[in-house]
Amino acid sequence: MSLLSNQRFLEVALAFAQWATALFAIVIIVTSARLERIKSNLATDKERETRKRIEAAERKVAPRHLSQSQMEQMAEFLRPAPRGRIDIIVPLSSGDDALAFAEEIAKFLRSIGFTISGPVEAAYTPMIGFHIQVKHGDDRPQLGGFLQGAFRTAGYKCDGAVNADLSDDIAVELIVGSREHE
């Protein structure tokens, strides 16, 4: 092999090495940029997930309220319901949120034509959510069923029971308990 061919080989090898180095540098730059985007997306995803958790925690402790949509749904559902006295009870163990929510419910039910007694706090078995009690006879179970259906229409769980010990002048007893935990 001649000196000239060795020199030519070295020039080609050097050019190839420079080309490979440049290509490798481009790959490193592109990969680094992609890694930065992935890190940024992960940080954004973590922030988004953290925000969701905070919002969920805030909802769990925020006072309960009937939305305008819920009131409209309930009013429509209760339109054909028989009227009668509804006593609203809040177990003492249910806390301030339950009492404030019961007051809001009472105001709403009065506004659509129901006779409401309460809400009153009472020594009662701790309860979660809504419970309706009716006494046997006449239209009481029917009103209780309408009220139960109205709460369910608005997205709330609402249990029902017959309580023969209710006073004759009470059509329905609505018990507003502690908030449901998710």
C-alpha atoms as a PDB file:
ATOM      1  CA  MET A   1       0.000   0.000   0.000  1.00  0.00           C
ATOM      2  CA  SER A   2       1.404   3.321  -0.941  1.00  0.00           C
ATOM      3  CA  LEU A   3       1.743   6.360   1.187  1.00  0.00           C
ATOM      4  CA  LEU A   4      -0.869   8.146  -0.912  1.00  0.00           C
ATOM      5  CA  SER A   5      -3.440   5.431  -0.452  1.00  0.00           C
ATOM      6  CA  ASN A   6      -2.754   5.407   3.307  1.00  0.00           C
ATOM      7  CA  GLN A   7      -3.235   9.159   3.408  1.00  0.00           C
ATOM      8  CA  ARG A   8      -6.470   8.859   1.424  1.00  0.00           C
ATOM      9  CA  PHE A   9      -7.704   6.125   3.741  1.00  0.00           C
ATOM     10  CA  LEU A  10      -6.926   8.333   6.760  1.00  0.00           C
ATOM     11  CA  GLU A  11      -8.762  11.292   5.200  1.00  0.00           C
ATOM     12  CA  VAL A  12     -11.852   9.160   4.523  1.00  0.00           C
ATOM     13  CA  ALA A  13     -11.682   7.645   8.003  1.00  0.00           C
ATOM     14  CA  LEU A  14     -11.332  11.121   9.531  1.00  0.00           C
ATOM     15  CA  ALA A  15     -14.276  12.453   7.471  1.00  0.00           C
ATOM     16  CA  PHE A  16     -16.364   9.469   8.533  1.00  0.00           C
ATOM     17  CA  ALA A  17     -15.402   9.989  12.184  1.00  0.00           C
ATOM     18  CA  GLN A  18     -16.380  13.690  11.941  1.00  0.00           C
ATOM     19  CA  TRP A  19     -19.669  12.761  10.280  1.00  0.00           C
ATOM     20  CA  ALA A  20     -20.392  10.091  12.918  1.00  0.00           C
ATOM     21  CA  THR A  21     -19.524  12.548  15.716  1.00  0.00           C
ATOM     22  CA  ALA A  22     -21.890  15.156  14.254  1.00  0.00           C
ATOM     23  CA  LEU A  23     -24.642  12.566  13.868  1.00  0.00           C
ATOM     24  CA  PHE A  24     -24.088  11.355  17.421  1.00  0.00           C
ATOM     25  CA  ALA A  25     -24.267  14.961  18.679  1.00  0.00           C
ATOM     26  CA  ILE A  26     -27.588  15.444  16.848  1.00  0.00           C
ATOM     27  CA  VAL A  27     -28.941  12.227  18.367  1.00  0.00           C
ATOM     28  CA  ILE A  28     -27.868  13.412  21.839  1.00  0.00           C
ATOM     29  CA  ILE A  29     -29.512  16.831  21.326  1.00  0.00           C
ATOM     30  CA  VAL A  30     -32.772  15.304  20.049  1.00  0.00           C
ATOM     31  CA  THR A  31     -32.823  12.687  22.803  1.00  0.00           C
ATOM     32  CA  SER A  32     -32.107  15.318  25.458  1.00  0.00           C
ATOM     33  CA  ALA A  33     -34.957  17.470  24.148  1.00  0.00           C
ATOM     34  CA  ARG A  34     -37.305  14.487  24.192  1.00  0.00           C
ATOM     35  CA  LEU A  35     -36.244  13.588  27.729  1.00  0.00           C
ATOM     36  CA  GLU A  36     -36.899  17.174  28.849  1.00  0.00           C
ATOM     37  CA  ARG A  37     -40.384  17.034  27.281  1.00  0.00           C
ATOM     38  CA  ILE A  38     -41.073  13.728  29.026  1.00  0.00           C
ATOM     39  CA  LYS A  39     -39.885  15.168  32.353  1.00  0.00           C
ATOM     40  CA  SER A  40     -42.030  18.229  31.802  1.00  0.00           C
ATOM     41  CA  ASN A  41     -45.054  16.098  30.936  1.00  0.00           C
ATOM     42  CA  LEU A  42     -44.471  13.934  34.014  1.00  0.00           C
ATOM     43  CA  ALA A  43     -44.266  17.047  36.172  1.00  0.00           C
ATOM     44  CA  THR A  44     -47.450  18.385  34.562  1.00  0.00           C
ATOM     45  CA  ASP A  45     -49.187  15.023  35.055  1.00  0.00           C
ATOM     46  CA  LYS A  46     -48.081  14.941  38.702  1.00  0.00           C
ATOM     47  CA  GLU A  47     -49.287  18.515  39.204  1.00  0.00           C
ATOM     48  CA  ARG A  48     -52.604  17.675  37.526  1.00  0.00           C
ATOM     49  CA  GLU A  49     -53.025  14.564  39.685  1.00  0.00           C
ATOM     50  CA  THR A  50     -52.126  16.538  42.814  1.00  0.00           C
ATOM     51  CA  ARG A  51     -54.627  19.239  41.843  1.00  0.00           C
ATOM     52  CA  LYS A  52     -57.338  16.581  41.348  1.00  0.00           C
ATOM     53  CA  ARG A  53     -56.608  15.122  44.782  1.00  0.00           C
ATOM     54  CA  ILE A  54     -56.740  18.544  46.417  1.00  0.00           C
ATOM     55  CA  GLU A  55     -60.029  19.383  44.690  1.00  0.00           C
ATOM     56  CA  ALA A  56     -61.504  16.032  45.760  1.00  0.00           C
ATOM     57  CA  ALA A  57     -60.411  16.657  49.354  1.00  0.00           C
ATOM     58  CA  GLU A  58     -61.915  20.156  49.240  1.00  0.00           C
ATOM     59  CA  ARG A  59     -65.221  18.749  47.958  1.00  0.00           C
ATOM     60  CA  LYS A  60     -65.278  16.260  50.839  1.00  0.00           C
ATOM     61  CA  VAL A  61     -65.084  19.031  53.424  1.00  0.00           C
ATOM     62  CA  ALA A  62     -66.981  21.782  51.603  1.00  0.00           C
ATOM     63  CA  PRO A  63     -70.502  22.494  52.863  1.00  0.00           C
ATOM     64  CA  ARG A  64     -73.194  20.623  50.987  1.00  0.00           C
ATOM     65  CA  HIS A  65     -75.618  22.614  48.853  1.00  0.00           C
ATOM     66  CA  LEU A  66     -78.424  21.913  46.428  1.00  0.00           C
ATOM     67  CA  SER A  67     -77.469  23.189  42.988  1.00  0.00           C
ATOM     68  CA  GLN A  68     -79.983  25.046  40.857  1.00  0.00           C
ATOM     69  CA  SER A  69     -80.180  22.001  38.604  1.00  0.00           C
ATOM     70  CA  GLN A  70     -80.876  19.686  41.549  1.00  0.00           C
ATOM     71  CA  MET A  71     -83.611  21.993  42.850  1.00  0.00           C
ATOM     72  CA  GLU A  72     -85.229  22.084  39.412  1.00  0.00           C
ATOM     73  CA  GLN A  73     -85.095  18.281  39.119  1.00  0.00           C
ATOM     74  CA  MET A  74     -86.505  17.799  42.601  1.00  0.00           C
ATOM     75  CA  ALA A  75     -89.254  20.394  42.114  1.00  0.00           C
ATOM     76  CA  GLU A  76     -90.334  18.688  38.889  1.00  0.00           C
ATOM     77  CA  PHE A  77     -90.299  15.259  40.536  1.00  0.00           C
ATOM     78  CA  LEU A  78     -92.305  16.522  43.540  1.00  0.00           C
ATOM     79  CA  ARG A  79     -94.891  18.469  41.495  1.00  0.00           C
ATOM     80  CA  PRO A  80     -97.528  15.647  41.576  1.00  0.00           C
ATOM     81  CA  ALA A  81     -96.693  14.598  45.164  1.00  0.00           C
ATOM     82  CA  PRO A  82     -99.398  14.878  47.831  1.00  0.00           C
ATOM     83  CA  ARG A  83     -98.767  17.629  50.338  1.00  0.00           C
ATOM     84  CA  GLY A  84     -98.337  16.924  54.016  1.00  0.00           C
ATOM     85  CA  ARG A  85     -96.176  17.894  56.943  1.00  0.00           C
ATOM     86  CA  ILE A  86     -92.503  16.972  56.656  1.00  0.00           C
ATOM     87  CA  ASP A  87     -90.456  17.043  59.846  1.00  0.00           C
ATOM     88  CA  ILE A  88     -86.755  17.520  59.245  1.00  0.00           C
ATOM     89  CA  ILE A  89     -84.468  16.017  61.872  1.00  0.00           C
ATOM     90  CA  VAL A  90     -80.673  16.285  62.143  1.00  0.00           C
ATOM     91  CA  PRO A  91     -78.930  13.832  64.490  1.00  0.00           C
ATOM     92  CA  LEU A  92     -76.701  15.726  66.933  1.00  0.00           C
ATOM     93  CA  SER A  93     -73.734  13.640  65.799  1.00  0.00           C
ATOM     94  CA  SER A  94     -74.106  14.844  62.204  1.00  0.00           C
ATOM     95  CA  GLY A  95     -72.344  18.179  62.666  1.00  0.00           C
ATOM     96  CA  ASP A  96     -72.844  21.739  61.450  1.00  0.00           C
ATOM     97  CA  ASP A  97     -72.765  20.790  57.777  1.00  0.00           C
ATOM     98  CA  ALA A  98     -75.839  18.588  58.149  1.00  0.00           C
ATOM     99  CA  LEU A  99     -77.789  21.268  60.022  1.00  0.00           C
ATOM    100  CA  ALA A 100     -76.952  23.966  57.456  1.00  0.00           C
ATOM    101  CA  PHE A 101     -77.838  21.614  54.600  1.00  0.00           C
ATOM    102  CA  ALA A 102     -81.096  20.634  56.319  1.00  0.00           C
ATOM    103  CA  GLU A 103     -81.990  24.334  56.636  1.00  0.00           C
ATOM    104  CA  GLU A 104     -81.343  24.789  52.914  1.00  0.00           C
ATOM    105  CA  ILE A 105     -83.514  21.764  52.103  1.00  0.00           C
ATOM    106  CA  ALA A 106     -86.304  23.047  54.374  1.00  0.00           C
ATOM    107  CA  LYS A 107     -86.250  26.444  52.656  1.00  0.00           C
ATOM    108  CA  PHE A 108     -86.392  24.769  49.252  1.00  0.00           C
ATOM    109  CA  LEU A 109     -89.270  22.448  50.188  1.00  0.00           C
ATOM    110  CA  ARG A 110     -91.240  25.375  51.669  1.00  0.00           C
ATOM    111  CA  SER A 111     -90.681  27.327  48.452  1.00  0.00           C
ATOM    112  CA  ILE A 112     -92.429  24.593  46.435  1.00  0.00           C
ATOM    113  CA  GLY A 113     -95.427  24.334  48.749  1.00  0.00           C
ATOM    114  CA  PHE A 114     -94.627  21.813  51.464  1.00  0.00           C
ATOM    115  CA  THR A 115     -95.355  22.323  55.174  1.00  0.00           C
ATOM    116  CA  ILE A 116     -92.050  21.920  56.972  1.00  0.00           C
ATOM    117  CA  SER A 117     -91.280  21.539  60.647  1.00  0.00           C
ATOM    118  CA  GLY A 118     -87.648  22.054  61.541  1.00  0.00           C
ATOM    119  CA  PRO A 119     -84.956  21.312  60.984  1.00  0.00           C
ATOM    120  CA  VAL A 120     -84.290  20.395  64.597  1.00  0.00           C
ATOM    121  CA  GLU A 121     -81.308  18.662  66.077  1.00  0.00           C
ATOM    122  CA  ALA A 122     -82.137  15.573  68.077  1.00  0.00           C
ATOM    123  CA  ALA A 123     -80.417  12.788  69.956  1.00  0.00           C
ATOM    124  CA  TYR A 124     -80.616  10.214  67.230  1.00  0.00           C
ATOM    125  CA  THR A 125     -78.660   7.245  65.998  1.00  0.00           C
ATOM    126  CA  PRO A 126     -75.748   8.573  63.882  1.00  0.00           C
ATOM    127  CA  MET A 127     -76.697   8.399  60.219  1.00  0.00           C
ATOM    128  CA  ILE A 128     -75.057   9.067  56.895  1.00  0.00           C
ATOM    129  CA  GLY A 129     -76.983  10.610  54.041  1.00  0.00           C
ATOM    130  CA  PHE A 130     -80.764  10.915  53.893  1.00  0.00           C
ATOM    131  CA  HIS A 131     -83.391   8.730  55.546  1.00  0.00           C
ATOM    132  CA  ILE A 132     -87.143   8.991  55.214  1.00  0.00           C
ATOM    133  CA  GLN A 133     -89.616   7.540  57.668  1.00  0.00           C
ATOM    134  CA  VAL A 134     -93.360   7.276  57.158  1.00  0.00           C
ATOM    135  CA  LYS A 135     -96.237   5.974  59.244  1.00  0.00           C
ATOM    136  CA  HIS A 136     -98.656   3.406  57.804  1.00  0.00           C
ATOM    137  CA  GLY A 137    -101.860   4.628  56.278  1.00  0.00           C
ATOM    138  CA  ASP A 138    -103.310   7.224  53.901  1.00  0.00           C
ATOM    139  CA  ASP A 139    -100.915   9.160  51.657  1.00  0.00           C
ATOM    140  CA  ARG A 140     -97.861   9.102  53.941  1.00  0.00           C
ATOM    141  CA  PRO A 141     -96.007   6.285  52.166  1.00  0.00           C
ATOM    142  CA  GLN A 142     -96.795   7.940  48.832  1.00  0.00           C
ATOM    143  CA  LEU A 143     -95.341  11.313  49.933  1.00  0.00           C
ATOM    144  CA  GLY A 144     -92.341   9.512  51.421  1.00  0.00           C
ATOM    145  CA  GLY A 145     -91.799   7.698  48.124  1.00  0.00           C
ATOM    146  CA  PHE A 146     -91.975  10.934  46.173  1.00  0.00           C
ATOM    147  CA  LEU A 147     -89.512  12.611  48.530  1.00  0.00           C
ATOM    148  CA  GLN A 148     -87.179   9.618  48.352  1.00  0.00           C
ATOM    149  CA  GLY A 149     -87.376   9.652  44.550  1.00  0.00           C
ATOM    150  CA  ALA A 150     -86.693  13.395  44.438  1.00  0.00           C
ATOM    151  CA  PHE A 151     -83.477  12.985  46.410  1.00  0.00           C
ATOM    152  CA  ARG A 152     -82.417  10.083  44.223  1.00  0.00           C
ATOM    153  CA  THR A 153     -83.183  12.125  41.097  1.00  0.00           C
ATOM    154  CA  ALA A 154     -80.852  14.804  42.450  1.00  0.00           C
ATOM    155  CA  GLY A 155     -78.081  12.217  42.872  1.00  0.00           C
ATOM    156  CA  TYR A 156     -78.384  11.438  46.577  1.00  0.00           C
ATOM    157  CA  LYS A 157     -78.828   8.084  48.253  1.00  0.00           C
ATOM    158  CA  CYS A 158     -81.967   8.055  50.356  1.00  0.00           C
ATOM    159  CA  ASP A 159     -83.166   5.150  52.489  1.00  0.00           C
ATOM    160  CA  GLY A 160     -86.751   4.713  53.587  1.00  0.00           C
ATOM    161  CA  ALA A 161     -88.530   2.965  56.431  1.00  0.00           C
ATOM    162  CA  VAL A 162     -91.938   2.621  58.076  1.00  0.00           C
ATOM    163  CA  ASN A 163     -92.112   3.922  61.647  1.00  0.00           C
ATOM    164  CA  ALA A 164     -95.474   3.274  63.304  1.00  0.00           C
ATOM    165  CA  ASP A 165     -94.409   5.454  66.266  1.00  0.00           C
ATOM    166  CA  LEU A 166     -94.548   8.690  64.235  1.00  0.00           C
ATOM    167  CA  SER A 167     -97.133  11.212  65.374  1.00  0.00           C
ATOM    168  CA  ASP A 168    -100.381  11.226  63.376  1.00  0.00           C
ATOM    169  CA  ASP A 169     -99.815  14.809  62.190  1.00  0.00           C
ATOM    170  CA  ILE A 170     -96.423  13.991  60.632  1.00  0.00           C
ATOM    171  CA  ALA A 171     -96.684  12.786  57.049  1.00  0.00           C
ATOM    172  CA  VAL A 172     -92.967  12.198  56.609  1.00  0.00           C
ATOM    173  CA  GLU A 173     -89.856  12.472  58.732  1.00  0.00           C
ATOM    174  CA  LEU A 174     -86.741  13.419  56.772  1.00  0.00           C
ATOM    175  CA  ILE A 175     -83.483  12.738  58.588  1.00  0.00           C
ATOM    176  CA  VAL A 176     -80.431  14.580  57.267  1.00  0.00           C
ATOM    177  CA  GLY A 177     -77.291  12.793  58.410  1.00  0.00           C
ATOM    178  CA  SER A 178     -73.587  13.280  57.912  1.00  0.00           C
ATOM    179  CA  ARG A 179     -72.187  13.526  54.435  1.00  0.00           C
ATOM    180  CA  GLU A 180     -71.409  10.349  52.561  1.00  0.00           C
ATOM    181  CA  HIS A 181     -67.717   9.644  52.261  1.00  0.00           C
ATOM    182  CA  GLU A 182     -66.399   8.652  48.858  1.00  0.00           C
END
